[in-house]
Amino acid sequence: MDARVLIVDDDAELVSLMSAFLSEQGFQTSAAYDGPSGLKAALSAQHDLMLLDVMMPGFDGFEVLRQLRESSEMPVLMLTARTESQSRVRGLDGGADDYLPKPFDPVELAARIRAILRRCRRTEDNGEEYFVASGVRIEPAARRVLAHGKEVELTGIEYEILDTLIRSAGHVVSRDDLMQRLYRREATPFERSIDVHISHLRKKLEGPSVLIRTIRGVGYQFVAENRKEDEA
């Protein structure tokens, strides 16, 4: 997979190790060692994904992510200390696609990068296909979403979750199924990423009724009223 990965972390030794391993895995890497230079690199050059540490000089990873999301949807995988559960949720709230606690297995790091890139590069064969349920319409070819007639801006991962749920409207989609589609891994008892992204979706799709139901202990269900598909 010939993808360009930007590593933003002030730990020079770790950056060197990650760069060497990812290069062996077929990735092109570049690095920045503080918040301002990391943001500048992300905005001024073409990268497919950013690995972003939280604690850095200049300003932290959350500020890098905040400013990046003002003008770019480049996928971001945040690197957090294993004990910083609040940091992980804050990163997801800020628009990160996934997080990986330190210390981590480099093989898992590469697998997560590939999973994110596969999701972002997924395309639809039929450009005329669309799906509608309960006033929400998705147009896969354009990755366009309308809720009650108004266009809704979603992050890449929010779109993929909605796409999965609305195609299965009326049926329960398990958390494990969502995790496998998005990240190529099973959900753990303490996994919060899906929950946070679902919360964001609910807020953006606000309407007169609940559209995404939580089926406790199982997963999620998109309400199926007026479900319709059309394939030209």
Protein backbone atom coordinates (compact mmCIF):
# COMPACT_ATOMS: atom_id res chain seq x y z
CA MET A 1 0.00 0.00 0.00
CA ASP A 2 1.80 3.11 -1.27
CA ALA A 3 0.41 5.58 1.26
CA ARG A 4 2.02 8.66 2.79
CA VAL A 5 1.95 8.84 6.57
CA LEU A 6 2.82 11.97 8.55
CA ILE A 7 4.10 11.22 12.06
CA VAL A 8 3.74 14.08 14.55
CA ASP A 9 5.40 13.20 17.87
CA ASP A 10 8.11 14.84 19.97
CA ASP A 11 9.71 11.49 20.86
CA ALA A 12 12.44 11.37 18.21
CA GLU A 13 13.45 7.81 19.03
CA LEU A 14 9.89 6.52 18.73
CA VAL A 15 9.40 8.44 15.48
CA SER A 16 12.54 6.82 14.09
CA LEU A 17 11.33 3.36 15.06
CA MET A 18 7.86 3.93 13.61
CA SER A 19 9.28 5.36 10.39
CA ALA A 20 11.61 2.41 9.91
CA PHE A 21 8.89 -0.17 10.55
CA LEU A 22 6.26 1.55 8.41
CA SER A 23 8.74 1.94 5.57
CA GLU A 24 9.28 -1.83 5.68
CA GLN A 25 5.50 -2.21 5.44
CA GLY A 26 5.37 -0.17 2.24
CA PHE A 27 4.41 3.24 3.61
CA GLN A 28 6.14 6.54 2.84
CA THR A 29 6.75 8.51 6.03
CA SER A 30 7.64 12.03 7.05
CA ALA A 31 7.82 13.53 10.52
CA ALA A 32 7.33 16.65 12.62
CA TYR A 33 8.26 17.00 16.27
CA ASP A 34 5.98 19.71 17.66
CA GLY A 35 2.44 20.97 17.21
CA PRO A 36 3.01 24.01 14.95
CA SER A 37 5.35 22.24 12.53
CA GLY A 38 3.08 19.19 12.47
CA LEU A 39 0.07 21.31 11.54
CA LYS A 40 2.06 23.17 8.89
CA ALA A 41 3.21 19.89 7.35
CA ALA A 42 -0.33 18.51 7.36
CA LEU A 43 -1.72 21.58 5.61
CA SER A 44 1.09 22.22 3.16
CA ALA A 45 1.88 18.75 1.83
CA GLN A 46 -0.07 15.78 0.56
CA HIS A 47 -0.44 13.01 3.13
CA ASP A 48 -2.92 10.15 3.32
CA LEU A 49 -2.97 9.86 7.12
CA MET A 50 -1.53 11.49 10.23
CA LEU A 51 -0.25 9.74 13.36
CA LEU A 52 -0.71 12.35 16.05
CA ASP A 53 0.64 12.32 19.60
CA VAL A 54 -1.17 14.23 22.34
CA MET A 55 1.57 15.80 24.46
CA MET A 56 3.93 17.98 22.37
CA PRO A 57 5.68 21.35 22.59
CA GLY A 58 4.22 24.41 20.87
CA PHE A 59 0.69 23.21 21.26
CA ASP A 60 -0.73 19.78 21.90
CA GLY A 61 -2.28 17.22 19.60
CA PHE A 62 -5.81 18.35 20.39
CA GLU A 63 -5.05 21.84 19.09
CA VAL A 64 -3.39 20.38 15.99
CA LEU A 65 -6.52 18.31 15.39
CA ARG A 66 -8.86 21.25 16.01
CA GLN A 67 -7.09 23.50 13.52
CA LEU A 68 -6.67 20.69 10.99
CA ARG A 69 -10.38 19.92 11.01
CA GLU A 70 -11.18 23.51 10.08
CA SER A 71 -9.98 22.84 6.55
CA SER A 72 -9.09 19.15 6.14
CA GLU A 73 -10.66 15.73 6.58
CA MET A 74 -7.32 13.91 6.40
CA PRO A 75 -7.59 10.74 8.53
CA VAL A 76 -5.99 11.03 11.97
CA LEU A 77 -4.91 8.18 14.23
CA MET A 78 -4.15 9.58 17.68
CA LEU A 79 -1.47 8.10 19.93
CA THR A 80 -2.35 8.35 23.63
CA ALA A 81 -0.96 7.10 26.92
CA ARG A 82 -2.69 3.88 27.93
CA THR A 83 -4.13 5.41 31.13
CA GLU A 84 -5.55 8.53 29.45
CA SER A 85 -9.11 7.41 28.71
CA GLN A 86 -10.37 11.00 28.68
CA SER A 87 -7.74 11.91 26.09
CA ARG A 88 -9.04 9.19 23.79
CA VAL A 89 -12.62 10.40 24.02
CA ARG A 90 -11.51 14.01 23.60
CA GLY A 91 -9.58 13.05 20.48
CA LEU A 92 -12.59 11.29 18.99
CA ASP A 93 -14.79 14.26 19.89
CA GLY A 94 -12.32 16.48 18.08
CA GLY A 95 -12.55 14.49 14.86
CA ALA A 96 -9.90 11.77 15.17
CA ASP A 97 -10.70 8.58 13.24
CA ASP A 98 -9.19 6.19 15.77
CA TYR A 99 -6.74 6.05 18.67
CA LEU A 100 -4.00 3.69 19.76
CA PRO A 101 -2.74 3.59 23.37
CA LYS A 102 1.01 3.65 24.03
CA PRO A 103 2.95 1.44 24.23
CA PHE A 104 1.63 -0.39 21.17
CA ASP A 105 2.54 -3.28 18.92
CA PRO A 106 3.91 -1.90 15.63
CA VAL A 107 2.10 -4.66 13.76
CA GLU A 108 -1.20 -3.40 15.21
CA LEU A 109 -0.25 0.17 14.28
CA ALA A 110 0.24 -0.86 10.64
CA ALA A 111 -3.01 -2.84 10.66
CA ARG A 112 -4.98 0.12 11.98
CA ILE A 113 -3.46 2.43 9.39
CA ARG A 114 -4.44 0.02 6.62
CA ALA A 115 -7.98 -0.31 8.00
CA ILE A 116 -8.48 3.46 8.06
CA LEU A 117 -7.07 3.87 4.55
CA ARG A 118 -9.24 1.06 3.16
CA ARG A 119 -12.31 2.72 4.60
CA CYS A 120 -11.39 6.13 3.23
CA ARG A 121 -10.68 4.75 -0.23
CA ARG A 122 -13.83 2.66 -0.53
CA THR A 123 -15.80 3.57 -3.63
CA GLU A 124 -19.21 2.66 -4.97
CA ASP A 125 -19.62 0.92 -8.34
CA ASN A 126 -23.08 2.32 -9.08
CA GLY A 127 -23.06 6.12 -9.22
CA GLU A 128 -26.87 6.37 -9.20
CA GLU A 129 -27.42 4.38 -6.03
CA TYR A 130 -28.98 6.04 -3.02
CA PHE A 131 -30.61 4.97 0.24
CA VAL A 132 -33.33 6.74 2.21
CA ALA A 133 -34.75 5.98 5.64
CA SER A 134 -36.71 8.17 8.05
CA GLY A 135 -35.93 11.38 6.18
CA VAL A 136 -32.20 10.72 5.84
CA ARG A 137 -30.73 10.15 2.39
CA ILE A 138 -27.21 9.00 1.54
CA GLU A 139 -25.72 9.16 -1.95
CA PRO A 140 -22.71 6.81 -1.90
CA ALA A 141 -21.07 7.95 -5.14
CA ALA A 142 -20.84 11.53 -3.90
CA ARG A 143 -20.65 10.54 -0.21
CA ARG A 144 -23.43 13.06 0.29
CA VAL A 145 -25.91 13.02 3.17
CA LEU A 146 -29.16 14.94 3.49
CA ALA A 147 -31.30 14.96 6.63
CA HIS A 148 -34.84 16.27 6.22
CA GLY A 149 -33.81 18.05 3.01
CA LYS A 150 -30.68 19.72 4.38
CA GLU A 151 -27.14 18.62 3.58
CA VAL A 152 -25.18 17.37 6.59
CA GLU A 153 -21.41 17.53 6.90
CA LEU A 154 -19.98 14.29 8.29
CA THR A 155 -16.46 13.11 8.94
CA GLY A 156 -15.28 10.11 6.97
CA ILE A 157 -15.87 7.66 9.79
CA GLU A 158 -19.29 9.15 10.63
CA TYR A 159 -20.31 8.65 7.02
CA GLU A 160 -19.18 5.01 7.03
CA ILE A 161 -21.14 4.29 10.21
CA LEU A 162 -24.28 5.93 8.82
CA ASP A 163 -23.84 4.12 5.49
CA THR A 164 -23.65 0.78 7.30
CA LEU A 165 -26.66 1.49 9.53
CA ILE A 166 -28.94 2.94 6.88
CA ARG A 167 -28.30 0.08 4.45
CA SER A 168 -29.48 -2.23 7.25
CA ALA A 169 -32.31 0.05 8.39
CA GLY A 170 -34.73 -1.80 10.62
CA HIS A 171 -32.13 -4.41 11.54
CA VAL A 172 -29.65 -4.39 14.39
CA VAL A 173 -25.98 -3.94 13.47
CA SER A 174 -23.69 -5.24 16.20
CA ARG A 175 -20.79 -3.23 17.58
CA ASP A 176 -18.48 -6.04 16.49
CA ASP A 177 -19.73 -5.75 12.89
CA LEU A 178 -19.13 -2.00 12.92
CA MET A 179 -15.66 -2.42 14.39
CA GLN A 180 -14.77 -5.03 11.79
CA ARG A 181 -15.92 -2.81 8.92
CA LEU A 182 -14.27 0.34 10.20
CA TYR A 183 -11.13 -0.91 11.93
CA ARG A 184 -10.78 -4.61 11.06
CA ARG A 185 -10.85 -5.60 14.74
CA GLU A 186 -13.36 -6.75 17.35
CA ALA A 187 -14.84 -4.42 19.93
CA THR A 188 -13.49 -4.63 23.47
CA PRO A 189 -15.58 -4.08 26.62
CA PHE A 190 -13.96 -0.66 27.10
CA GLU A 191 -13.97 0.44 23.45
CA ARG A 192 -15.50 3.94 23.23
CA SER A 193 -14.79 5.02 19.67
CA ILE A 194 -18.01 3.73 18.11
CA ASP A 195 -20.12 5.17 20.94
CA VAL A 196 -18.58 8.61 20.52
CA HIS A 197 -19.07 8.63 16.74
CA ILE A 198 -22.69 7.48 17.14
CA SER A 199 -23.26 10.36 19.58
CA HIS A 200 -21.93 12.81 17.00
CA LEU A 201 -24.18 11.34 14.32
CA ARG A 202 -27.27 11.68 16.49
CA LYS A 203 -26.56 15.36 17.07
CA LYS A 204 -25.98 16.06 13.38
CA LEU A 205 -29.11 14.19 12.30
CA GLU A 206 -31.35 15.81 14.91
CA GLY A 207 -35.01 15.68 14.02
CA PRO A 208 -38.45 15.16 15.55
CA SER A 209 -37.73 11.52 16.44
CA VAL A 210 -34.90 9.19 17.40
CA LEU A 211 -33.20 7.81 14.30
CA ILE A 212 -30.42 5.66 15.75
CA ARG A 213 -31.46 3.35 18.56
CA THR A 214 -29.05 1.69 20.97
CA ILE A 215 -29.84 -1.97 21.48
CA ARG A 216 -28.19 -2.53 24.84
CA GLY A 217 -25.55 -5.22 24.84
CA VAL A 218 -25.87 -5.78 21.09
CA GLY A 219 -25.40 -2.74 18.88
CA TYR A 220 -27.38 -0.11 16.99
CA GLN A 221 -30.44 0.10 14.75
CA PHE A 222 -31.42 2.80 12.27
CA VAL A 223 -35.19 3.39 12.23
CA ALA A 224 -36.59 1.97 8.99
CA GLU A 225 -39.60 4.19 8.28
CA ASN A 226 -40.03 4.94 4.57
CA ARG A 227 -36.93 2.96 3.66
CA LYS A 228 -36.17 3.08 -0.05
CA GLU A 229 -33.34 2.07 -2.37
CA ASP A 230 -32.94 2.90 -6.02
CA GLU A 231 -30.32 1.44 -8.27
CA ALA A 232 -30.25 2.70 -11.82
